[in-house]
Every structure is written in C-alpha cells, then in structure tokens.
Amino acid sequence: MKCWEFMSCPREVYTSCPAYPMRGHECWKMPHTLCDGGRHVKDSLVEKVSFCRQCEYYKQLMRNIAEADYTAPAVVDDSVEVNDQTAKL
C-alpha cells in the first residue's frame, strides 16, 4: 500500500506530491512531500525524518519490515567491520 492510500489523501493532494507516483513506499526519503493529506510539508530531510518517525504509515511499514525479518545485503568496505548482527540491520 502506498502512503497516500494508507493516509487517505485526496487525489488533488497526492498527485501533487513528489512521492507520487513511484515513491509511495519510501516517502520518508524525500523532502517536500505533502504529508498527512497535505497538512505538513517538511523542507529539510532532518525535519522530515523527525516527523516521519511519528507517522502511522512509517511506523506500520517499519513493523512490516521487522516482521518479515528483512535482511539487507551488507555493503562492505575496509573501514567497516561487518558481523552477523550488523548484516541484519
């Protein structure tokens, strides 16, 4: 489910949002999105991340990822030690 579906945003709001149509599953990664039906717009990513952590869509998405025991591939360079714990982050 995309963010605008979960949040029941009106069509005129979500079609104007930078997350529409391709980034509805990762709206928290983008500045200037029209959050909560267009009532909130965060210009900086610092403000955005803080706001998103309180968002029900974001929290539900993070719970779904955790429940699926999502494991991202580890990116390794010489300066980072990767072990079983960090590989699961």
Protein backbone atom coordinates (compact mmCIF):
# COMPACT_ATOMS: atom_id res chain seq x y z
CA MET A 1 0.00 0.00 0.00
CA LYS A 2 1.33 3.42 -0.90
CA CYS A 3 1.42 6.25 1.64
CA TRP A 4 -1.40 8.25 0.03
CA GLU A 5 -3.67 5.18 0.13
CA PHE A 6 -2.88 4.48 3.78
CA MET A 7 -3.36 8.12 4.75
CA SER A 8 -6.49 8.57 2.57
CA CYS A 9 -5.05 11.64 0.88
CA PRO A 10 -7.32 13.41 -1.59
CA ARG A 11 -6.39 12.90 -5.24
CA GLU A 12 -5.56 16.59 -5.73
CA VAL A 13 -3.03 16.32 -2.88
CA TYR A 14 -1.29 13.04 -3.71
CA THR A 15 -0.98 13.76 -7.43
CA SER A 16 0.92 16.96 -6.49
CA CYS A 17 3.21 15.17 -4.05
CA PRO A 18 6.84 14.42 -5.01
CA ALA A 19 6.36 10.82 -3.82
CA TYR A 20 3.67 10.24 -6.46
CA PRO A 21 3.55 8.00 -8.46
CA MET A 22 6.75 5.97 -7.96
CA ARG A 23 7.94 6.59 -4.40
CA GLY A 24 4.85 5.94 -2.28
CA HIS A 25 6.61 3.17 -0.34
CA GLU A 26 9.60 5.32 0.55
CA CYS A 27 8.14 8.78 1.01
CA TRP A 28 10.24 9.37 4.13
CA LYS A 29 13.34 9.53 1.94
CA MET A 30 12.12 12.61 0.07
CA PRO A 31 11.85 16.26 1.11
CA HIS A 32 8.81 18.38 0.26
CA THR A 33 6.27 15.55 0.41
CA LEU A 34 2.68 16.52 1.22
CA CYS A 35 2.28 14.53 4.40
CA ASP A 36 -0.95 13.87 6.26
CA GLY A 37 -3.21 14.93 3.44
CA GLY A 38 -1.06 17.93 2.58
CA ARG A 39 -1.25 19.46 6.06
CA HIS A 40 2.51 19.08 6.63
CA VAL A 41 5.40 19.82 4.29
CA LYS A 42 8.94 19.40 5.58
CA ASP A 43 11.63 21.09 3.51
CA SER A 44 14.72 19.54 5.07
CA LEU A 45 15.38 15.84 5.49
CA VAL A 46 16.29 16.44 9.14
CA GLU A 47 12.79 17.81 9.82
CA LYS A 48 11.28 15.10 7.64
CA VAL A 49 12.89 12.18 9.46
CA SER A 50 11.75 13.54 12.81
CA PHE A 51 8.21 13.96 11.51
CA CYS A 52 8.14 10.54 9.81
CA ARG A 53 9.08 8.71 12.98
CA GLN A 54 5.71 9.84 14.38
CA CYS A 55 3.77 8.92 11.20
CA GLU A 56 1.46 5.90 11.38
CA TYR A 57 2.29 4.86 7.80
CA TYR A 58 6.03 4.92 8.50
CA LYS A 59 5.62 3.02 11.79
CA GLN A 60 3.44 0.36 10.11
CA LEU A 61 5.90 -0.02 7.25
CA MET A 62 8.80 -0.44 9.69
CA ARG A 63 6.81 -3.06 11.65
CA ASN A 64 6.12 -4.96 8.42
CA ILE A 65 9.80 -4.94 7.55
CA ALA A 66 10.75 -6.14 11.04
CA GLU A 67 8.13 -8.90 10.98
CA ALA A 68 9.38 -10.13 7.64
CA ASP A 69 12.86 -10.42 9.20
CA TYR A 70 14.16 -8.27 6.39
CA THR A 71 17.90 -8.53 5.92
CA ALA A 72 19.58 -6.01 3.65
CA PRO A 73 22.74 -7.03 1.86
CA ALA A 74 25.78 -5.79 3.73
CA VAL A 75 27.90 -3.19 1.98
CA VAL A 76 31.49 -3.76 2.96
CA ASP A 77 34.48 -1.51 2.74
CA ASP A 78 37.81 -1.79 4.53
CA SER A 79 36.84 0.70 7.25
CA VAL A 80 33.70 -1.13 8.43
CA GLU A 81 33.61 -4.38 10.29
CA VAL A 82 30.58 -6.46 9.36
CA ASN A 83 29.40 -9.26 11.59
CA ASP A 84 26.18 -11.28 11.92
CA GLN A 85 24.48 -8.51 13.94
CA THR A 86 25.26 -5.63 11.57
CA ALA A 87 24.46 -7.64 8.47
CA LYS A 88 20.85 -7.97 9.68
CA LEU A 89 20.32 -4.20 10.00
